Every structure is written in structure tokens, then in C-alpha cells.
Amino acid sequence: LVWRDSGDVSEVTHYLVYFSQNDLGDNRLHISTSTLGTNSLTIPLNTALLSFTHFSVYAKSPLGEQTTPTSLRVIDTSASVSNLIFEDRDLDVGELGGLVVWTPPAKTSRVVGYHMYLAVGSFGMLRSPFGGEVLVGTNEGVLLADTRIA
């Protein structure tokens, strides 16, 4: 989550970040306090949203908390490919190469591209990228021949 300073911040000392149920900051839950100049917050993976729909950020000064927040609607989606197929065409021991093909997710409206990785196991441990970003609608990528298996 990233936000910008708005207007005169000479009196601002902190930013208060909340989950809220609308863009007005109603029914909020405090999740973090950031000092002025630290205008970002990393939301941990698998953070429960509960019934919240927005992030709301308030400026805080010695006089109190801003009355109207800056808010952003939370979009929490997942899109995974399926039917991943790879046939190794590199005949050298300890090296891979060939075409990687997949079926795209059913909904791709929020997908901006695909990234391919070599990894240890199906959970992606020790992953390393290859091939650059693949555009949506292009459901294949190339693992160049002579790619060494670590």
C-alpha cells in the first residue's frame, strides 16, 4: 500500500493506516502507524480482510487525526494457470530447454502478464525466474536450451 503526502504536511507527524468498511473510513480497524516520509506499508501475505473493503489512511498532527481519510478499495483476487506442460528438448544431462505451455485462468481481467520460474517442488521453493514477462493471451513461453539445473 503506497500513498502520497497531500498538501501542506508541516504539522503532520504520522500516518495512521486502517482497514475500513467504506471510503469514509467507517467501522475501522487500526493496522499500522507510519512516520512522516514513510508513505508505504507492506501488507503481509494471507492477511484476513474480515468484513473490510478499504484501506484508509489518516494524517496525524499534534492537534489530532485528520477527519477525512484517503481511502483505497481492496481488490483481493487470485488467478492461477493450470495444465502446465513442459517437455525437455535439451538432451544434455543437468540441462533443460523447451516450450512451457499452460491453460490461462478462467478470469484474466486483472492479469497483466505471466512470469515463469524454475523451482524445487510444487510450492515454488528456491525459485528463479526465466524468460521475462509473457503477455496475456500468449499461453506459452520458452526455457532456453542449455539452462542448467541448479
C-alpha atoms as a PDB file:
ATOM      1  CA  LEU A   1       0.000   0.000   0.000  1.00  0.00           C
ATOM      2  CA  VAL A   2       1.516   3.347  -1.046  1.00  0.00           C
ATOM      3  CA  TRP A   3       0.164   6.863  -0.531  1.00  0.00           C
ATOM      4  CA  ARG A   4       1.282  10.437  -1.257  1.00  0.00           C
ATOM      5  CA  ASP A   5       1.520  13.417   1.043  1.00  0.00           C
ATOM      6  CA  SER A   6      -1.387  15.746   0.359  1.00  0.00           C
ATOM      7  CA  GLY A   7      -0.838  19.484   0.527  1.00  0.00           C
ATOM      8  CA  ASP A   8       0.895  21.104   3.494  1.00  0.00           C
ATOM      9  CA  VAL A   9       2.413  18.437   5.749  1.00  0.00           C
ATOM     10  CA  SER A  10       4.360  20.818   8.013  1.00  0.00           C
ATOM     11  CA  GLU A  11       2.294  19.738  11.048  1.00  0.00           C
ATOM     12  CA  VAL A  12       1.936  16.059  10.141  1.00  0.00           C
ATOM     13  CA  THR A  13       3.898  13.680  12.364  1.00  0.00           C
ATOM     14  CA  HIS A  14       2.417  10.297  11.455  1.00  0.00           C
ATOM     15  CA  TYR A  15       0.044   8.437   9.202  1.00  0.00           C
ATOM     16  CA  LEU A  16      -2.489   6.043  10.691  1.00  0.00           C
ATOM     17  CA  VAL A  17      -3.493   3.143   8.445  1.00  0.00           C
ATOM     18  CA  TYR A  18      -6.754   1.288   8.941  1.00  0.00           C
ATOM     19  CA  PHE A  19      -8.914  -1.367   7.374  1.00  0.00           C
ATOM     20  CA  SER A  20     -12.378   0.169   6.952  1.00  0.00           C
ATOM     21  CA  GLN A  21     -15.761  -0.760   5.560  1.00  0.00           C
ATOM     22  CA  ASN A  22     -16.047   2.116   3.080  1.00  0.00           C
ATOM     23  CA  ASP A  23     -14.169   5.083   1.588  1.00  0.00           C
ATOM     24  CA  LEU A  24     -15.276   7.303   4.500  1.00  0.00           C
ATOM     25  CA  GLY A  25     -13.308   5.168   6.962  1.00  0.00           C
ATOM     26  CA  ASP A  26     -16.330   3.830   8.839  1.00  0.00           C
ATOM     27  CA  ASN A  27     -16.068   0.820  11.177  1.00  0.00           C
ATOM     28  CA  ARG A  28     -12.295   0.829  11.016  1.00  0.00           C
ATOM     29  CA  LEU A  29      -9.527  -1.320  12.471  1.00  0.00           C
ATOM     30  CA  HIS A  30      -6.065   0.179  13.042  1.00  0.00           C
ATOM     31  CA  ILE A  31      -3.348  -1.864  11.310  1.00  0.00           C
ATOM     32  CA  SER A  32      -0.280   0.398  11.364  1.00  0.00           C
ATOM     33  CA  THR A  33       1.242   3.770  12.213  1.00  0.00           C
ATOM     34  CA  SER A  34       3.906   5.245   9.920  1.00  0.00           C
ATOM     35  CA  THR A  35       6.110   8.265  10.485  1.00  0.00           C
ATOM     36  CA  LEU A  36       6.042  11.164   8.040  1.00  0.00           C
ATOM     37  CA  GLY A  37       8.117  10.262   4.981  1.00  0.00           C
ATOM     38  CA  THR A  38       7.325   6.557   5.286  1.00  0.00           C
ATOM     39  CA  ASN A  39       4.435   6.512   2.867  1.00  0.00           C
ATOM     40  CA  SER A  40       4.082   2.801   2.325  1.00  0.00           C
ATOM     41  CA  LEU A  41       3.063  -0.320   4.158  1.00  0.00           C
ATOM     42  CA  THR A  42       3.604  -3.938   3.165  1.00  0.00           C
ATOM     43  CA  ILE A  43       0.502  -5.977   3.905  1.00  0.00           C
ATOM     44  CA  PRO A  44       1.558  -9.475   4.986  1.00  0.00           C
ATOM     45  CA  LEU A  45       0.532 -12.368   2.782  1.00  0.00           C
ATOM     46  CA  ASN A  46      -2.754 -14.004   3.810  1.00  0.00           C
ATOM     47  CA  THR A  47      -3.879 -11.066   5.978  1.00  0.00           C
ATOM     48  CA  ALA A  48      -7.534 -11.669   6.810  1.00  0.00           C
ATOM     49  CA  LEU A  49      -9.829  -8.964   5.403  1.00  0.00           C
ATOM     50  CA  LEU A  50     -12.760  -9.941   7.619  1.00  0.00           C
ATOM     51  CA  SER A  51     -15.645  -7.671   6.515  1.00  0.00           C
ATOM     52  CA  PHE A  52     -13.397  -4.764   5.480  1.00  0.00           C
ATOM     53  CA  THR A  53     -13.413  -3.429   1.931  1.00  0.00           C
ATOM     54  CA  HIS A  54     -10.967  -0.485   2.050  1.00  0.00           C
ATOM     55  CA  PHE A  55      -7.624   0.751   3.306  1.00  0.00           C
ATOM     56  CA  SER A  56      -7.975   4.203   4.880  1.00  0.00           C
ATOM     57  CA  VAL A  57      -5.020   6.473   5.654  1.00  0.00           C
ATOM     58  CA  TYR A  58      -5.301   9.441   8.030  1.00  0.00           C
ATOM     59  CA  ALA A  59      -2.696  12.132   8.663  1.00  0.00           C
ATOM     60  CA  LYS A  60      -1.970  12.796  12.352  1.00  0.00           C
ATOM     61  CA  SER A  61      -0.590  16.009  13.863  1.00  0.00           C
ATOM     62  CA  PRO A  62      -0.175  17.256  17.454  1.00  0.00           C
ATOM     63  CA  LEU A  63      -3.699  18.689  17.048  1.00  0.00           C
ATOM     64  CA  GLY A  64      -5.280  15.315  16.277  1.00  0.00           C
ATOM     65  CA  GLU A  65      -6.248  12.966  13.488  1.00  0.00           C
ATOM     66  CA  GLN A  66      -7.444  14.106  10.067  1.00  0.00           C
ATOM     67  CA  THR A  67     -11.242  13.886   9.834  1.00  0.00           C
ATOM     68  CA  THR A  68     -11.491  12.576   6.257  1.00  0.00           C
ATOM     69  CA  PRO A  69      -9.183   9.782   5.147  1.00  0.00           C
ATOM     70  CA  THR A  70      -7.675   8.933   1.822  1.00  0.00           C
ATOM     71  CA  SER A  71      -9.095   5.512   1.002  1.00  0.00           C
ATOM     72  CA  LEU A  72      -8.490   2.737  -1.492  1.00  0.00           C
ATOM     73  CA  ARG A  73     -10.798  -0.183  -2.237  1.00  0.00           C
ATOM     74  CA  VAL A  74      -9.155  -3.547  -1.587  1.00  0.00           C
ATOM     75  CA  ILE A  75      -9.108  -5.839  -4.605  1.00  0.00           C
ATOM     76  CA  ASP A  76      -8.157  -9.316  -3.443  1.00  0.00           C
ATOM     77  CA  THR A  77      -8.156 -11.747  -6.330  1.00  0.00           C
ATOM     78  CA  SER A  78      -6.272 -14.822  -7.352  1.00  0.00           C
ATOM     79  CA  ALA A  79      -5.598 -16.133 -10.833  1.00  0.00           C
ATOM     80  CA  SER A  80      -3.614 -19.304 -11.386  1.00  0.00           C
ATOM     81  CA  VAL A  81      -2.764 -21.116 -14.573  1.00  0.00           C
ATOM     82  CA  SER A  82      -3.479 -24.829 -14.919  1.00  0.00           C
ATOM     83  CA  ASN A  83      -2.482 -27.769 -17.097  1.00  0.00           C
ATOM     84  CA  LEU A  84       1.178 -26.771 -17.076  1.00  0.00           C
ATOM     85  CA  ILE A  85       3.115 -28.795 -19.653  1.00  0.00           C
ATOM     86  CA  PHE A  86       6.868 -28.887 -20.257  1.00  0.00           C
ATOM     87  CA  GLU A  87       8.751 -31.355 -22.397  1.00  0.00           C
ATOM     88  CA  ASP A  88      12.527 -31.143 -22.056  1.00  0.00           C
ATOM     89  CA  ARG A  89      14.159 -30.884 -25.512  1.00  0.00           C
ATOM     90  CA  ASP A  90      17.709 -30.390 -24.217  1.00  0.00           C
ATOM     91  CA  LEU A  91      19.472 -33.734 -24.357  1.00  0.00           C
ATOM     92  CA  ASP A  92      22.385 -32.773 -22.097  1.00  0.00           C
ATOM     93  CA  VAL A  93      22.443 -34.149 -18.545  1.00  0.00           C
ATOM     94  CA  GLY A  94      21.857 -31.402 -15.970  1.00  0.00           C
ATOM     95  CA  GLU A  95      20.366 -29.001 -18.529  1.00  0.00           C
ATOM     96  CA  LEU A  96      16.835 -28.154 -19.609  1.00  0.00           C
ATOM     97  CA  GLY A  97      15.265 -26.442 -22.606  1.00  0.00           C
ATOM     98  CA  GLY A  98      11.923 -26.422 -24.328  1.00  0.00           C
ATOM     99  CA  LEU A  99       8.454 -24.953 -24.593  1.00  0.00           C
ATOM    100  CA  VAL A 100       6.318 -24.313 -21.489  1.00  0.00           C
ATOM    101  CA  VAL A 101       2.557 -24.292 -22.185  1.00  0.00           C
ATOM    102  CA  TRP A 102      -0.368 -23.618 -19.838  1.00  0.00           C
ATOM    103  CA  THR A 103      -4.111 -23.004 -19.708  1.00  0.00           C
ATOM    104  CA  PRO A 104      -4.861 -19.452 -18.552  1.00  0.00           C
ATOM    105  CA  PRO A 105      -7.133 -18.731 -15.578  1.00  0.00           C
ATOM    106  CA  ALA A 106     -10.859 -18.530 -16.324  1.00  0.00           C
ATOM    107  CA  LYS A 107     -10.887 -14.814 -15.474  1.00  0.00           C
ATOM    108  CA  THR A 108      -7.970 -12.737 -16.744  1.00  0.00           C
ATOM    109  CA  SER A 109      -9.435  -9.222 -16.382  1.00  0.00           C
ATOM    110  CA  ARG A 110      -6.891  -8.305 -13.677  1.00  0.00           C
ATOM    111  CA  VAL A 111      -3.988 -10.365 -15.032  1.00  0.00           C
ATOM    112  CA  VAL A 112      -1.313  -8.126 -16.574  1.00  0.00           C
ATOM    113  CA  GLY A 113       1.204 -10.807 -17.521  1.00  0.00           C
ATOM    114  CA  TYR A 114       2.769 -14.118 -16.586  1.00  0.00           C
ATOM    115  CA  HIS A 115       6.173 -14.815 -15.049  1.00  0.00           C
ATOM    116  CA  MET A 116       7.837 -18.218 -15.278  1.00  0.00           C
ATOM    117  CA  TYR A 117      10.130 -19.747 -12.674  1.00  0.00           C
ATOM    118  CA  LEU A 118      12.232 -22.833 -12.158  1.00  0.00           C
ATOM    119  CA  ALA A 119      11.700 -24.108  -8.635  1.00  0.00           C
ATOM    120  CA  VAL A 120      12.267 -27.011  -6.304  1.00  0.00           C
ATOM    121  CA  GLY A 121       8.910 -28.731  -5.812  1.00  0.00           C
ATOM    122  CA  SER A 122       5.367 -27.607  -6.498  1.00  0.00           C
ATOM    123  CA  PHE A 123       5.374 -24.925  -3.755  1.00  0.00           C
ATOM    124  CA  GLY A 124       7.983 -22.803  -5.556  1.00  0.00           C
ATOM    125  CA  MET A 125      10.878 -23.194  -3.145  1.00  0.00           C
ATOM    126  CA  LEU A 126      14.191 -21.691  -4.297  1.00  0.00           C
ATOM    127  CA  ARG A 127      12.521 -20.312  -7.406  1.00  0.00           C
ATOM    128  CA  SER A 128      14.469 -18.445 -10.076  1.00  0.00           C
ATOM    129  CA  PRO A 129      12.859 -16.540 -12.949  1.00  0.00           C
ATOM    130  CA  PHE A 130      13.396 -17.245 -16.627  1.00  0.00           C
ATOM    131  CA  GLY A 131      12.074 -15.939 -19.917  1.00  0.00           C
ATOM    132  CA  GLY A 132      10.800 -12.498 -18.879  1.00  0.00           C
ATOM    133  CA  GLU A 133       7.166 -11.453 -18.755  1.00  0.00           C
ATOM    134  CA  VAL A 134       4.727 -13.249 -21.044  1.00  0.00           C
ATOM    135  CA  LEU A 135       1.788 -11.192 -22.315  1.00  0.00           C
ATOM    136  CA  VAL A 136      -1.786 -12.172 -21.507  1.00  0.00           C
ATOM    137  CA  GLY A 137      -3.187 -14.174 -24.419  1.00  0.00           C
ATOM    138  CA  THR A 138       0.203 -15.792 -25.056  1.00  0.00           C
ATOM    139  CA  ASN A 139      -0.097 -19.015 -23.105  1.00  0.00           C
ATOM    140  CA  GLU A 140       3.384 -20.316 -23.687  1.00  0.00           C
ATOM    141  CA  GLY A 141       6.977 -19.401 -23.015  1.00  0.00           C
ATOM    142  CA  VAL A 142      10.422 -20.741 -23.828  1.00  0.00           C
ATOM    143  CA  LEU A 143      13.009 -22.132 -21.460  1.00  0.00           C
ATOM    144  CA  LEU A 144      16.183 -21.648 -23.471  1.00  0.00           C
ATOM    145  CA  ALA A 145      18.291 -24.728 -24.249  1.00  0.00           C
ATOM    146  CA  ASP A 146      21.352 -25.264 -22.051  1.00  0.00           C
ATOM    147  CA  THR A 147      19.575 -23.924 -18.936  1.00  0.00           C
ATOM    148  CA  ARG A 148      21.452 -25.533 -16.050  1.00  0.00           C
ATOM    149  CA  ILE A 149      19.621 -27.268 -13.257  1.00  0.00           C
ATOM    150  CA  ALA A 150      20.983 -25.819 -10.013  1.00  0.00           C
END
